[in-house]
Amino acid sequence: MSENVWHGVLDRLRSALDPEEFRRWFDGTAYASDSGDQITVWVHSESVRRHILVHYQPLIDRALRALNRPDADVRFVVSGYGEDDDE
C-alpha cells in the first residue's frame, strides 16, 4: 500500500488531470489523518477547499473506490490564516 490513501488519490488525480490544473489545485494539499471512514487533508485557503469540492469530488470519490475505500469521505480543512477572495 502507498504511504497513505491521500497519496493514492493524488496519483490517480495526477493521471486524470492536466498537469497545470493538478498543480494549481492539489500540490498544496497535505495529508493530515485517516480515521478509517474520514480522511482529513489540509488545504491553504477556503477558496481552494470550495473549488476542490465543487469541481473534483466525483474524481476523488472514484479514486477512493479504486483504492478499496468507497465508504471513506475526504474532509478538507483550511490550514492557513486568512482566506483568499472568492473566485
N, C-alpha and C. Protein backbone atom coordinates (compact mmCIF):
# COMPACT_ATOMS: atom_id res chain seq x y z
N MET A 1 0.85 -1.19 0.00
CA MET A 1 0.00 0.00 0.00
C MET A 1 0.89 1.25 0.00
N SER A 2 0.38 2.32 -0.58
CA SER A 2 1.16 3.55 -0.62
C SER A 2 1.29 4.15 0.77
N GLU A 3 2.05 5.22 0.89
CA GLU A 3 2.31 5.85 2.18
C GLU A 3 1.01 6.14 2.93
N ASN A 4 0.04 6.68 2.25
CA ASN A 4 -1.28 6.89 2.82
C ASN A 4 -2.28 6.98 1.69
N VAL A 5 -3.55 6.89 2.03
CA VAL A 5 -4.58 6.86 1.00
C VAL A 5 -4.61 8.16 0.19
N TRP A 6 -4.32 9.30 0.80
CA TRP A 6 -4.34 10.56 0.05
C TRP A 6 -3.30 10.55 -1.06
N HIS A 7 -2.13 9.97 -0.81
CA HIS A 7 -1.12 9.87 -1.88
C HIS A 7 -1.65 9.02 -3.03
N GLY A 8 -2.39 7.97 -2.71
CA GLY A 8 -3.01 7.15 -3.75
C GLY A 8 -4.04 7.92 -4.55
N VAL A 9 -4.85 8.72 -3.85
CA VAL A 9 -5.84 9.57 -4.54
C VAL A 9 -5.11 10.56 -5.45
N LEU A 10 -4.06 11.19 -4.93
CA LEU A 10 -3.31 12.16 -5.74
C LEU A 10 -2.71 11.52 -6.98
N ASP A 11 -2.20 10.30 -6.86
CA ASP A 11 -1.64 9.60 -8.03
C ASP A 11 -2.70 9.44 -9.11
N ARG A 12 -3.90 9.09 -8.71
CA ARG A 12 -4.98 8.91 -9.68
C ARG A 12 -5.42 10.25 -10.28
N LEU A 13 -5.51 11.28 -9.45
CA LEU A 13 -5.88 12.60 -9.96
C LEU A 13 -4.83 13.13 -10.93
N ARG A 14 -3.57 12.92 -10.59
CA ARG A 14 -2.47 13.39 -11.44
C ARG A 14 -2.59 12.80 -12.84
N SER A 15 -2.97 11.54 -12.94
CA SER A 15 -3.07 10.91 -14.26
C SER A 15 -4.34 11.33 -15.00
N ALA A 16 -5.35 11.85 -14.29
CA ALA A 16 -6.62 12.22 -14.91
C ALA A 16 -6.70 13.70 -15.30
N LEU A 17 -5.85 14.53 -14.72
CA LEU A 17 -5.94 15.97 -14.92
C LEU A 17 -4.77 16.52 -15.72
N ASP A 18 -4.98 17.67 -16.32
CA ASP A 18 -3.91 18.42 -16.97
C ASP A 18 -2.87 18.76 -15.89
N PRO A 19 -1.57 18.67 -16.19
CA PRO A 19 -0.55 18.93 -15.18
C PRO A 19 -0.68 20.28 -14.47
N GLU A 20 -1.00 21.33 -15.21
CA GLU A 20 -1.14 22.65 -14.60
C GLU A 20 -2.37 22.70 -13.68
N GLU A 21 -3.44 22.07 -14.10
CA GLU A 21 -4.65 22.01 -13.28
C GLU A 21 -4.37 21.25 -11.98
N PHE A 22 -3.69 20.13 -12.10
CA PHE A 22 -3.34 19.36 -10.90
C PHE A 22 -2.45 20.18 -9.97
N ARG A 23 -1.44 20.82 -10.53
CA ARG A 23 -0.53 21.62 -9.72
C ARG A 23 -1.28 22.73 -8.99
N ARG A 24 -2.14 23.41 -9.70
CA ARG A 24 -2.85 24.55 -9.12
C ARG A 24 -3.73 24.15 -7.94
N TRP A 25 -4.44 23.04 -8.05
CA TRP A 25 -5.43 22.71 -7.03
C TRP A 25 -4.98 21.66 -6.02
N PHE A 26 -4.00 20.84 -6.37
CA PHE A 26 -3.67 19.73 -5.47
C PHE A 26 -2.24 19.72 -4.93
N ASP A 27 -1.31 20.47 -5.53
CA ASP A 27 0.06 20.48 -5.00
C ASP A 27 0.13 21.01 -3.58
N GLY A 28 -0.77 21.90 -3.22
CA GLY A 28 -0.74 22.49 -1.88
C GLY A 28 -1.50 21.70 -0.83
N THR A 29 -2.03 20.55 -1.20
CA THR A 29 -2.75 19.75 -0.20
C THR A 29 -1.77 18.91 0.59
N ALA A 30 -2.16 18.55 1.81
CA ALA A 30 -1.30 17.73 2.65
C ALA A 30 -2.15 16.79 3.50
N TYR A 31 -1.77 15.54 3.51
CA TYR A 31 -2.44 14.54 4.32
C TYR A 31 -2.32 14.90 5.79
N ALA A 32 -3.44 14.81 6.52
CA ALA A 32 -3.43 15.09 7.96
C ALA A 32 -3.70 13.83 8.76
N SER A 33 -4.78 13.09 8.44
CA SER A 33 -5.10 11.89 9.21
C SER A 33 -6.09 11.02 8.46
N ASP A 34 -6.23 9.79 8.96
CA ASP A 34 -7.16 8.82 8.39
C ASP A 34 -7.76 8.02 9.53
N SER A 35 -9.04 8.24 9.80
CA SER A 35 -9.70 7.53 10.90
C SER A 35 -10.47 6.31 10.41
N GLY A 36 -10.28 5.96 9.14
CA GLY A 36 -11.00 4.83 8.57
C GLY A 36 -12.13 5.29 7.68
N ASP A 37 -13.09 5.99 8.26
CA ASP A 37 -14.21 6.48 7.45
C ASP A 37 -14.03 7.93 7.03
N GLN A 38 -13.04 8.61 7.60
CA GLN A 38 -12.78 10.01 7.23
C GLN A 38 -11.29 10.27 7.07
N ILE A 39 -10.94 10.81 5.92
CA ILE A 39 -9.56 11.18 5.62
C ILE A 39 -9.51 12.70 5.67
N THR A 40 -8.62 13.23 6.49
CA THR A 40 -8.50 14.68 6.63
C THR A 40 -7.30 15.16 5.84
N VAL A 41 -7.53 16.20 5.04
CA VAL A 41 -6.49 16.76 4.17
C VAL A 41 -6.46 18.26 4.39
N TRP A 42 -5.25 18.81 4.58
CA TRP A 42 -5.08 20.25 4.74
C TRP A 42 -5.05 20.92 3.37
N VAL A 43 -5.67 22.09 3.28
CA VAL A 43 -5.58 22.95 2.09
C VAL A 43 -5.23 24.36 2.57
N HIS A 44 -4.75 25.20 1.65
CA HIS A 44 -4.24 26.52 2.03
C HIS A 44 -5.30 27.60 2.22
N SER A 45 -6.46 27.43 1.60
CA SER A 45 -7.45 28.50 1.69
C SER A 45 -8.86 27.94 1.52
N GLU A 46 -9.81 28.74 1.96
CA GLU A 46 -11.22 28.37 1.81
C GLU A 46 -11.61 28.30 0.33
N SER A 47 -11.07 29.19 -0.49
CA SER A 47 -11.43 29.14 -1.91
C SER A 47 -10.91 27.87 -2.58
N VAL A 48 -9.73 27.40 -2.20
CA VAL A 48 -9.22 26.13 -2.74
C VAL A 48 -10.11 24.98 -2.26
N ARG A 49 -10.47 24.99 -1.00
CA ARG A 49 -11.33 23.94 -0.43
C ARG A 49 -12.65 23.87 -1.21
N ARG A 50 -13.27 25.02 -1.42
CA ARG A 50 -14.55 25.06 -2.14
C ARG A 50 -14.38 24.59 -3.59
N HIS A 51 -13.33 25.04 -4.24
CA HIS A 51 -13.11 24.67 -5.64
C HIS A 51 -12.93 23.16 -5.78
N ILE A 52 -12.14 22.58 -4.92
CA ILE A 52 -11.93 21.13 -4.97
C ILE A 52 -13.25 20.40 -4.77
N LEU A 53 -14.03 20.81 -3.78
CA LEU A 53 -15.31 20.13 -3.51
C LEU A 53 -16.27 20.25 -4.69
N VAL A 54 -16.36 21.42 -5.28
CA VAL A 54 -17.31 21.65 -6.38
C VAL A 54 -16.88 20.93 -7.66
N HIS A 55 -15.58 20.99 -7.97
CA HIS A 55 -15.12 20.52 -9.27
C HIS A 55 -14.49 19.13 -9.29
N TYR A 56 -14.03 18.64 -8.16
CA TYR A 56 -13.26 17.39 -8.19
C TYR A 56 -13.81 16.28 -7.29
N GLN A 57 -14.90 16.52 -6.59
CA GLN A 57 -15.41 15.50 -5.69
C GLN A 57 -15.71 14.17 -6.40
N PRO A 58 -16.32 14.17 -7.59
CA PRO A 58 -16.56 12.88 -8.26
C PRO A 58 -15.26 12.13 -8.59
N LEU A 59 -14.22 12.85 -9.00
CA LEU A 59 -12.93 12.19 -9.28
C LEU A 59 -12.31 11.64 -8.00
N ILE A 60 -12.44 12.37 -6.90
CA ILE A 60 -11.90 11.91 -5.62
C ILE A 60 -12.65 10.66 -5.17
N ASP A 61 -13.97 10.68 -5.30
CA ASP A 61 -14.78 9.51 -4.92
C ASP A 61 -14.40 8.29 -5.77
N ARG A 62 -14.19 8.51 -7.07
CA ARG A 62 -13.79 7.42 -7.96
C ARG A 62 -12.43 6.85 -7.55
N ALA A 63 -11.50 7.74 -7.20
CA ALA A 63 -10.18 7.29 -6.76
C ALA A 63 -10.29 6.48 -5.47
N LEU A 64 -11.12 6.92 -4.54
CA LEU A 64 -11.31 6.17 -3.29
C LEU A 64 -11.88 4.78 -3.56
N ARG A 65 -12.82 4.68 -4.47
CA ARG A 65 -13.36 3.36 -4.83
C ARG A 65 -12.27 2.48 -5.41
N ALA A 66 -11.43 3.04 -6.27
CA ALA A 66 -10.34 2.28 -6.88
C ALA A 66 -9.33 1.81 -5.84
N LEU A 67 -9.23 2.55 -4.74
CA LEU A 67 -8.31 2.20 -3.65
C LEU A 67 -8.99 1.35 -2.57
N ASN A 68 -10.15 0.82 -2.89
CA ASN A 68 -10.92 -0.01 -1.95
C ASN A 68 -11.31 0.73 -0.68
N ARG A 69 -11.60 2.03 -0.83
CA ARG A 69 -12.07 2.84 0.29
C ARG A 69 -13.36 3.57 -0.09
N PRO A 70 -14.36 2.85 -0.62
CA PRO A 70 -15.56 3.52 -1.13
C PRO A 70 -16.39 4.22 -0.06
N ASP A 71 -16.26 3.81 1.19
CA ASP A 71 -17.06 4.41 2.26
C ASP A 71 -16.34 5.54 2.98
N ALA A 72 -15.12 5.85 2.56
CA ALA A 72 -14.37 6.94 3.20
C ALA A 72 -14.75 8.28 2.59
N ASP A 73 -14.80 9.28 3.42
CA ASP A 73 -15.03 10.65 2.99
C ASP A 73 -13.75 11.44 3.22
N VAL A 74 -13.48 12.39 2.31
CA VAL A 74 -12.33 13.28 2.49
C VAL A 74 -12.85 14.60 3.04
N ARG A 75 -12.27 15.02 4.14
CA ARG A 75 -12.62 16.31 4.74
C ARG A 75 -11.44 17.24 4.51
N PHE A 76 -11.69 18.36 3.84
CA PHE A 76 -10.65 19.35 3.57
C PHE A 76 -10.73 20.43 4.63
N VAL A 77 -9.59 20.68 5.27
CA VAL A 77 -9.51 21.65 6.36
C VAL A 77 -8.51 22.73 5.97
N VAL A 78 -8.93 23.98 6.12
CA VAL A 78 -8.05 25.10 5.79
C VAL A 78 -6.99 25.23 6.86
N SER A 79 -5.73 25.21 6.43
CA SER A 79 -4.63 25.24 7.39
C SER A 79 -3.99 26.60 7.54
N GLY A 80 -4.29 27.53 6.62
CA GLY A 80 -3.65 28.84 6.67
C GLY A 80 -4.46 29.85 7.45
N TYR A 81 -3.85 30.97 7.72
CA TYR A 81 -4.55 32.10 8.34
C TYR A 81 -5.12 32.94 7.24
N GLY A 82 -6.34 33.41 7.38
CA GLY A 82 -6.94 34.25 6.37
C GLY A 82 -7.41 33.42 5.20
N GLU A 83 -8.29 34.00 4.43
CA GLU A 83 -8.87 33.29 3.31
C GLU A 83 -8.66 34.09 2.04
N ASP A 84 -8.57 33.37 0.93
CA ASP A 84 -8.49 34.02 -0.38
C ASP A 84 -9.84 34.64 -0.70
N ASP A 85 -9.84 35.60 -1.59
CA ASP A 85 -11.09 36.16 -2.08
C ASP A 85 -11.86 35.11 -2.83
N ASP A 86 -13.14 35.28 -2.92
CA ASP A 86 -13.96 34.36 -3.70
C ASP A 86 -13.49 34.36 -5.14
N GLU A 87 -13.67 33.22 -5.79
CA GLU A 87 -13.25 33.09 -7.19
C GLU A 87 -14.15 33.84 -8.11
